[in-house]
Amino acid sequence: MLKFAGYDAVFFKGISPKPVYLTIIDGKAELKDAANLWGKDTFETQDILEAELGKGVEVACIGPPVKSYP
């Protein structure tokens, strides 16, 4: 999906003093505050970002593992 947004790669330099996430919308890249996502699992993160950015948004994220059920 990154390629479809017009990018071959994304490089980050430095360390953010707080949690952030990257959005690329209409060719504009922006870092946004991710304090509300901190500690969430990947499913919760996807749901929150879809609510904020709209259904169909593509999300690549990492997070704590979801508990497995027997």
PDB file of N, CA and C in Angstrom:
ATOM      1  N   MET A   1       0.824  -1.188   0.000  1.00  0.00           N
ATOM      2  CA  MET A   1       0.000   0.000   0.000  1.00  0.00           C
ATOM      3  C   MET A   1       0.871   1.256   0.000  1.00  0.00           C
ATOM      4  N   LEU A   2       2.045   1.149   0.560  1.00  0.00           N
ATOM      5  CA  LEU A   2       2.967   2.283   0.560  1.00  0.00           C
ATOM      6  C   LEU A   2       3.302   2.688  -0.874  1.00  0.00           C
ATOM      7  N   LYS A   3       3.522   1.713  -1.706  1.00  0.00           N
ATOM      8  CA  LYS A   3       3.838   1.965  -3.118  1.00  0.00           C
ATOM      9  C   LYS A   3       2.676   2.697  -3.802  1.00  0.00           C
ATOM     10  N   PHE A   4       1.445   2.290  -3.508  1.00  0.00           N
ATOM     11  CA  PHE A   4       0.274   2.951  -4.087  1.00  0.00           C
ATOM     12  C   PHE A   4       0.153   4.397  -3.628  1.00  0.00           C
ATOM     13  N   ALA A   5       0.708   4.698  -2.452  1.00  0.00           N
ATOM     14  CA  ALA A   5       0.694   6.074  -1.948  1.00  0.00           C
ATOM     15  C   ALA A   5       1.803   6.907  -2.584  1.00  0.00           C
ATOM     16  N   GLY A   6       2.637   6.274  -3.407  1.00  0.00           N
ATOM     17  CA  GLY A   6       3.674   6.999  -4.115  1.00  0.00           C
ATOM     18  C   GLY A   6       5.039   6.964  -3.449  1.00  0.00           C
ATOM     19  N   TYR A   7       5.222   6.054  -2.510  1.00  0.00           N
ATOM     20  CA  TYR A   7       6.491   5.956  -1.790  1.00  0.00           C
ATOM     21  C   TYR A   7       7.116   4.579  -2.002  1.00  0.00           C
ATOM     22  N   ASP A   8       8.443   4.561  -2.136  1.00  0.00           N
ATOM     23  CA  ASP A   8       9.164   3.290  -2.217  1.00  0.00           C
ATOM     24  C   ASP A   8       9.620   2.833  -0.840  1.00  0.00           C
ATOM     25  N   ALA A   9       9.896   3.781   0.041  1.00  0.00           N
ATOM     26  CA  ALA A   9      10.367   3.464   1.394  1.00  0.00           C
ATOM     27  C   ALA A   9      10.113   4.664   2.296  1.00  0.00           C
ATOM     28  N   VAL A  10      10.137   4.410   3.586  1.00  0.00           N
ATOM     29  CA  VAL A  10      10.018   5.478   4.578  1.00  0.00           C
ATOM     30  C   VAL A  10      11.170   5.307   5.551  1.00  0.00           C
ATOM     31  N   PHE A  11      11.879   6.389   5.796  1.00  0.00           N
ATOM     32  CA  PHE A  11      12.992   6.369   6.746  1.00  0.00           C
ATOM     33  C   PHE A  11      12.693   7.357   7.863  1.00  0.00           C
ATOM     34  N   PHE A  12      12.960   6.938   9.077  1.00  0.00           N
ATOM     35  CA  PHE A  12      12.796   7.810  10.231  1.00  0.00           C
ATOM     36  C   PHE A  12      14.171   8.108  10.801  1.00  0.00           C
ATOM     37  N   LYS A  13      14.361   9.331  11.233  1.00  0.00           N
ATOM     38  CA  LYS A  13      15.622   9.725  11.824  1.00  0.00           C
ATOM     39  C   LYS A  13      15.332  10.336  13.190  1.00  0.00           C
ATOM     40  N   GLY A  14      16.081   9.884  14.194  1.00  0.00           N
ATOM     41  CA  GLY A  14      15.890  10.433  15.527  1.00  0.00           C
ATOM     42  C   GLY A  14      14.864   9.650  16.328  1.00  0.00           C
ATOM     43  N   ILE A  15      14.587  10.164  17.507  1.00  0.00           N
ATOM     44  CA  ILE A  15      13.672   9.505  18.437  1.00  0.00           C
ATOM     45  C   ILE A  15      12.613  10.517  18.861  1.00  0.00           C
ATOM     46  N   SER A  16      11.382  10.116  18.818  1.00  0.00           N
ATOM     47  CA  SER A  16      10.308  10.984  19.271  1.00  0.00           C
ATOM     48  C   SER A  16      10.218  10.921  20.795  1.00  0.00           C
ATOM     49  N   PRO A  17       9.981  12.043  21.448  1.00  0.00           N
ATOM     50  CA  PRO A  17       9.836  12.024  22.903  1.00  0.00           C
ATOM     51  C   PRO A  17       8.505  11.431  23.346  1.00  0.00           C
ATOM     52  N   LYS A  18       7.599  11.220  22.407  1.00  0.00           N
ATOM     53  CA  LYS A  18       6.293  10.639  22.726  1.00  0.00           C
ATOM     54  C   LYS A  18       5.886   9.691  21.602  1.00  0.00           C
ATOM     55  N   PRO A  19       4.913   8.814  21.845  1.00  0.00           N
ATOM     56  CA  PRO A  19       4.454   7.906  20.790  1.00  0.00           C
ATOM     57  C   PRO A  19       3.805   8.681  19.640  1.00  0.00           C
ATOM     58  N   VAL A  20       4.163   8.324  18.416  1.00  0.00           N
ATOM     59  CA  VAL A  20       3.590   8.951  17.225  1.00  0.00           C
ATOM     60  C   VAL A  20       3.287   7.877  16.181  1.00  0.00           C
ATOM     61  N   TYR A  21       2.430   8.227  15.236  1.00  0.00           N
ATOM     62  CA  TYR A  21       2.214   7.357  14.082  1.00  0.00           C
ATOM     63  C   TYR A  21       2.249   8.205  12.821  1.00  0.00           C
ATOM     64  N   LEU A  22       2.537   7.565  11.715  1.00  0.00           N
ATOM     65  CA  LEU A  22       2.671   8.238  10.432  1.00  0.00           C
ATOM     66  C   LEU A  22       1.402   8.054   9.616  1.00  0.00           C
ATOM     67  N   THR A  23       0.885   9.154   9.077  1.00  0.00           N
ATOM     68  CA  THR A  23      -0.194   9.062   8.099  1.00  0.00           C
ATOM     69  C   THR A  23       0.337   9.587   6.771  1.00  0.00           C
ATOM     70  N   ILE A  24      -0.124   8.981   5.705  1.00  0.00           N
ATOM     71  CA  ILE A  24       0.160   9.486   4.359  1.00  0.00           C
ATOM     72  C   ILE A  24      -1.194   9.600   3.674  1.00  0.00           C
ATOM     73  N   ILE A  25      -1.639  10.829   3.517  1.00  0.00           N
ATOM     74  CA  ILE A  25      -2.956  11.085   2.940  1.00  0.00           C
ATOM     75  C   ILE A  25      -2.785  12.082   1.799  1.00  0.00           C
ATOM     76  N   ASP A  26      -3.230  11.678   0.607  1.00  0.00           N
ATOM     77  CA  ASP A  26      -3.117  12.530  -0.589  1.00  0.00           C
ATOM     78  C   ASP A  26      -1.697  13.039  -0.785  1.00  0.00           C
ATOM     79  N   GLY A  27      -0.716  12.150  -0.561  1.00  0.00           N
ATOM     80  CA  GLY A  27       0.682  12.491  -0.786  1.00  0.00           C
ATOM     81  C   GLY A  27       1.333  13.297   0.319  1.00  0.00           C
ATOM     82  N   LYS A  28       0.594  13.615   1.366  1.00  0.00           N
ATOM     83  CA  LYS A  28       1.145  14.397   2.470  1.00  0.00           C
ATOM     84  C   LYS A  28       1.423  13.475   3.653  1.00  0.00           C
ATOM     85  N   ALA A  29       2.698  13.424   4.063  1.00  0.00           N
ATOM     86  CA  ALA A  29       3.103  12.603   5.207  1.00  0.00           C
ATOM     87  C   ALA A  29       3.090  13.461   6.463  1.00  0.00           C
ATOM     88  N   GLU A  30       2.547  12.900   7.544  1.00  0.00           N
ATOM     89  CA  GLU A  30       2.451  13.642   8.797  1.00  0.00           C
ATOM     90  C   GLU A  30       2.570  12.692   9.981  1.00  0.00           C
ATOM     91  N   LEU A  31       3.332  13.092  10.993  1.00  0.00           N
ATOM     92  CA  LEU A  31       3.398  12.340  12.241  1.00  0.00           C
ATOM     93  C   LEU A  31       2.321  12.884  13.171  1.00  0.00           C
ATOM     94  N   LYS A  32       1.557  11.962  13.779  1.00  0.00           N
ATOM     95  CA  LYS A  32       0.464  12.356  14.672  1.00  0.00           C
ATOM     96  C   LYS A  32       0.658  11.704  16.034  1.00  0.00           C
ATOM     97  N   ASP A  33       0.079  12.323  17.038  1.00  0.00           N
ATOM     98  CA  ASP A  33       0.162  11.823  18.404  1.00  0.00           C
ATOM     99  C   ASP A  33      -0.510  10.447  18.515  1.00  0.00           C
ATOM    100  N   ALA A  34       0.202   9.498  19.118  1.00  0.00           N
ATOM    101  CA  ALA A  34      -0.328   8.139  19.253  1.00  0.00           C
ATOM    102  C   ALA A  34      -0.499   7.729  20.716  1.00  0.00           C
ATOM    103  N   ALA A  35      -0.614   8.709  21.612  1.00  0.00           N
ATOM    104  CA  ALA A  35      -0.759   8.392  23.032  1.00  0.00           C
ATOM    105  C   ALA A  35      -1.974   7.493  23.278  1.00  0.00           C
ATOM    106  N   ASN A  36      -3.040   7.706  22.521  1.00  0.00           N
ATOM    107  CA  ASN A  36      -4.252   6.901  22.702  1.00  0.00           C
ATOM    108  C   ASN A  36      -4.097   5.467  22.193  1.00  0.00           C
ATOM    109  N   LEU A  37      -3.038   5.206  21.448  1.00  0.00           N
ATOM    110  CA  LEU A  37      -2.812   3.857  20.911  1.00  0.00           C
ATOM    111  C   LEU A  37      -1.818   3.057  21.750  1.00  0.00           C
ATOM    112  N   TRP A  38      -1.101   3.746  22.621  1.00  0.00           N
ATOM    113  CA  TRP A  38      -0.032   3.120  23.407  1.00  0.00           C
ATOM    114  C   TRP A  38      -0.590   1.979  24.253  1.00  0.00           C
ATOM    115  N   GLY A  39      -0.007   0.788  24.129  1.00  0.00           N
ATOM    116  CA  GLY A  39      -0.422  -0.366  24.920  1.00  0.00           C
ATOM    117  C   GLY A  39      -1.573  -1.159  24.328  1.00  0.00           C
ATOM    118  N   LYS A  40      -2.133  -0.702  23.241  1.00  0.00           N
ATOM    119  CA  LYS A  40      -3.233  -1.426  22.597  1.00  0.00           C
ATOM    120  C   LYS A  40      -2.668  -2.559  21.749  1.00  0.00           C
ATOM    121  N   ASP A  41      -3.472  -3.611  21.555  1.00  0.00           N
ATOM    122  CA  ASP A  41      -3.031  -4.664  20.649  1.00  0.00           C
ATOM    123  C   ASP A  41      -3.322  -4.234  19.211  1.00  0.00           C
ATOM    124  N   THR A  42      -2.898  -5.033  18.259  1.00  0.00           N
ATOM    125  CA  THR A  42      -3.013  -4.631  16.855  1.00  0.00           C
ATOM    126  C   THR A  42      -4.473  -4.519  16.393  1.00  0.00           C
ATOM    127  N   PHE A  43      -5.342  -5.341  16.943  1.00  0.00           N
ATOM    128  CA  PHE A  43      -6.755  -5.271  16.554  1.00  0.00           C
ATOM    129  C   PHE A  43      -7.393  -3.983  17.066  1.00  0.00           C
ATOM    130  N   GLU A  44      -7.102  -3.630  18.313  1.00  0.00           N
ATOM    131  CA  GLU A  44      -7.623  -2.382  18.876  1.00  0.00           C
ATOM    132  C   GLU A  44      -7.077  -1.180  18.109  1.00  0.00           C
ATOM    133  N   THR A  45      -5.783  -1.221  17.786  1.00  0.00           N
ATOM    134  CA  THR A  45      -5.156  -0.137  17.040  1.00  0.00           C
ATOM    135  C   THR A  45      -5.838   0.057  15.692  1.00  0.00           C
ATOM    136  N   GLN A  46      -6.075  -1.020  14.977  1.00  0.00           N
ATOM    137  CA  GLN A  46      -6.765  -0.966  13.678  1.00  0.00           C
ATOM    138  C   GLN A  46      -8.143  -0.325  13.843  1.00  0.00           C
ATOM    139  N   ASP A  47      -8.900  -0.760  14.838  1.00  0.00           N
ATOM    140  CA  ASP A  47     -10.246  -0.236  15.060  1.00  0.00           C
ATOM    141  C   ASP A  47     -10.229   1.264  15.372  1.00  0.00           C
ATOM    142  N   ILE A  48      -9.308   1.683  16.231  1.00  0.00           N
ATOM    143  CA  ILE A  48      -9.213   3.095  16.611  1.00  0.00           C
ATOM    144  C   ILE A  48      -8.840   3.954  15.404  1.00  0.00           C
ATOM    145  N   LEU A  49      -7.857   3.502  14.626  1.00  0.00           N
ATOM    146  CA  LEU A  49      -7.440   4.283  13.465  1.00  0.00           C
ATOM    147  C   LEU A  49      -8.523   4.324  12.393  1.00  0.00           C
ATOM    148  N   GLU A  50      -9.263   3.245  12.227  1.00  0.00           N
ATOM    149  CA  GLU A  50     -10.373   3.262  11.270  1.00  0.00           C
ATOM    150  C   GLU A  50     -11.439   4.252  11.712  1.00  0.00           C
ATOM    151  N   ALA A  51     -11.703   4.328  13.018  1.00  0.00           N
ATOM    152  CA  ALA A  51     -12.691   5.286  13.520  1.00  0.00           C
ATOM    153  C   ALA A  51     -12.218   6.721  13.303  1.00  0.00           C
ATOM    154  N   GLU A  52     -10.921   6.962  13.461  1.00  0.00           N
ATOM    155  CA  GLU A  52     -10.372   8.315  13.293  1.00  0.00           C
ATOM    156  C   GLU A  52     -10.191   8.705  11.829  1.00  0.00           C
ATOM    157  N   LEU A  53      -9.722   7.765  11.011  1.00  0.00           N
ATOM    158  CA  LEU A  53      -9.318   8.095   9.639  1.00  0.00           C
ATOM    159  C   LEU A  53     -10.288   7.605   8.573  1.00  0.00           C
ATOM    160  N   GLY A  54     -11.216   6.747   8.947  1.00  0.00           N
ATOM    161  CA  GLY A  54     -12.202   6.248   8.002  1.00  0.00           C
ATOM    162  C   GLY A  54     -12.003   4.777   7.668  1.00  0.00           C
ATOM    163  N   LYS A  55     -13.101   4.111   7.383  1.00  0.00           N
ATOM    164  CA  LYS A  55     -13.055   2.698   7.001  1.00  0.00           C
ATOM    165  C   LYS A  55     -12.222   2.528   5.744  1.00  0.00           C
ATOM    166  N   GLY A  56     -11.534   1.408   5.653  1.00  0.00           N
ATOM    167  CA  GLY A  56     -10.732   1.130   4.476  1.00  0.00           C
ATOM    168  C   GLY A  56      -9.307   1.626   4.583  1.00  0.00           C
ATOM    169  N   VAL A  57      -8.983   2.306   5.690  1.00  0.00           N
ATOM    170  CA  VAL A  57      -7.609   2.767   5.887  1.00  0.00           C
ATOM    171  C   VAL A  57      -6.697   1.546   6.022  1.00  0.00           C
ATOM    172  N   GLU A  58      -5.513   1.622   5.459  1.00  0.00           N
ATOM    173  CA  GLU A  58      -4.540   0.535   5.575  1.00  0.00           C
ATOM    174  C   GLU A  58      -3.627   0.829   6.763  1.00  0.00           C
ATOM    175  N   VAL A  59      -3.475  -0.154   7.640  1.00  0.00           N
ATOM    176  CA  VAL A  59      -2.687   0.031   8.861  1.00  0.00           C
ATOM    177  C   VAL A  59      -1.614  -1.046   8.946  1.00  0.00           C
ATOM    178  N   ALA A  60      -0.393  -0.612   9.198  1.00  0.00           N
ATOM    179  CA  ALA A  60       0.698  -1.530   9.528  1.00  0.00           C
ATOM    180  C   ALA A  60       1.127  -1.157  10.934  1.00  0.00           C
ATOM    181  N   CYS A  61       0.987  -2.080  11.871  1.00  0.00           N
ATOM    182  CA  CYS A  61       1.292  -1.743  13.257  1.00  0.00           C
ATOM    183  C   CYS A  61       1.859  -2.952  13.989  1.00  0.00           C
ATOM    184  N   ILE A  62       2.452  -2.662  15.120  1.00  0.00           N
ATOM    185  CA  ILE A  62       2.919  -3.702  16.022  1.00  0.00           C
ATOM    186  C   ILE A  62       2.278  -3.444  17.374  1.00  0.00           C
ATOM    187  N   GLY A  63       2.227  -4.435  18.204  1.00  0.00           N
ATOM    188  CA  GLY A  63       1.645  -4.247  19.526  1.00  0.00           C
ATOM    189  C   GLY A  63       1.812  -5.484  20.349  1.00  0.00           C
ATOM    190  N   PRO A  64       1.342  -5.427  21.591  1.00  0.00           N
ATOM    191  CA  PRO A  64       1.443  -6.606  22.454  1.00  0.00           C
ATOM    192  C   PRO A  64       0.626  -7.745  21.867  1.00  0.00           C
ATOM    193  N   PRO A  65       1.063  -8.967  22.091  1.00  0.00           N
ATOM    194  CA  PRO A  65       0.313 -10.106  21.548  1.00  0.00           C
ATOM    195  C   PRO A  65      -1.068 -10.211  22.176  1.00  0.00           C
ATOM    196  N   VAL A  66      -1.988 -10.684  21.374  1.00  0.00           N
ATOM    197  CA  VAL A  66      -3.344 -10.928  21.862  1.00  0.00           C
ATOM    198  C   VAL A  66      -3.324 -12.264  22.591  1.00  0.00           C
ATOM    199  N   LYS A  67      -4.051 -12.332  23.706  1.00  0.00           N
ATOM    200  CA  LYS A  67      -4.131 -13.583  24.455  1.00  0.00           C
ATOM    201  C   LYS A  67      -4.720 -14.673  23.574  1.00  0.00           C
ATOM    202  N   SER A  68      -4.117 -15.830  23.606  1.00  0.00           N
ATOM    203  CA  SER A  68      -4.684 -16.942  22.843  1.00  0.00           C
ATOM    204  C   SER A  68      -5.678 -17.678  23.712  1.00  0.00           C
ATOM    205  N   TYR A  69      -6.662 -18.242  23.082  1.00  0.00           N
ATOM    206  CA  TYR A  69      -7.705 -18.946  23.811  1.00  0.00           C
ATOM    207  C   TYR A  69      -7.560 -20.439  23.563  1.00  0.00           C
ATOM    208  N   PRO A  70      -7.859 -21.233  24.568  1.00  0.00           N
ATOM    209  CA  PRO A  70      -7.704 -22.696  24.411  1.00  0.00           C
ATOM    210  C   PRO A  70      -8.629 -23.286  23.386  1.00  0.00           C
TER     211      PRO A  70
END
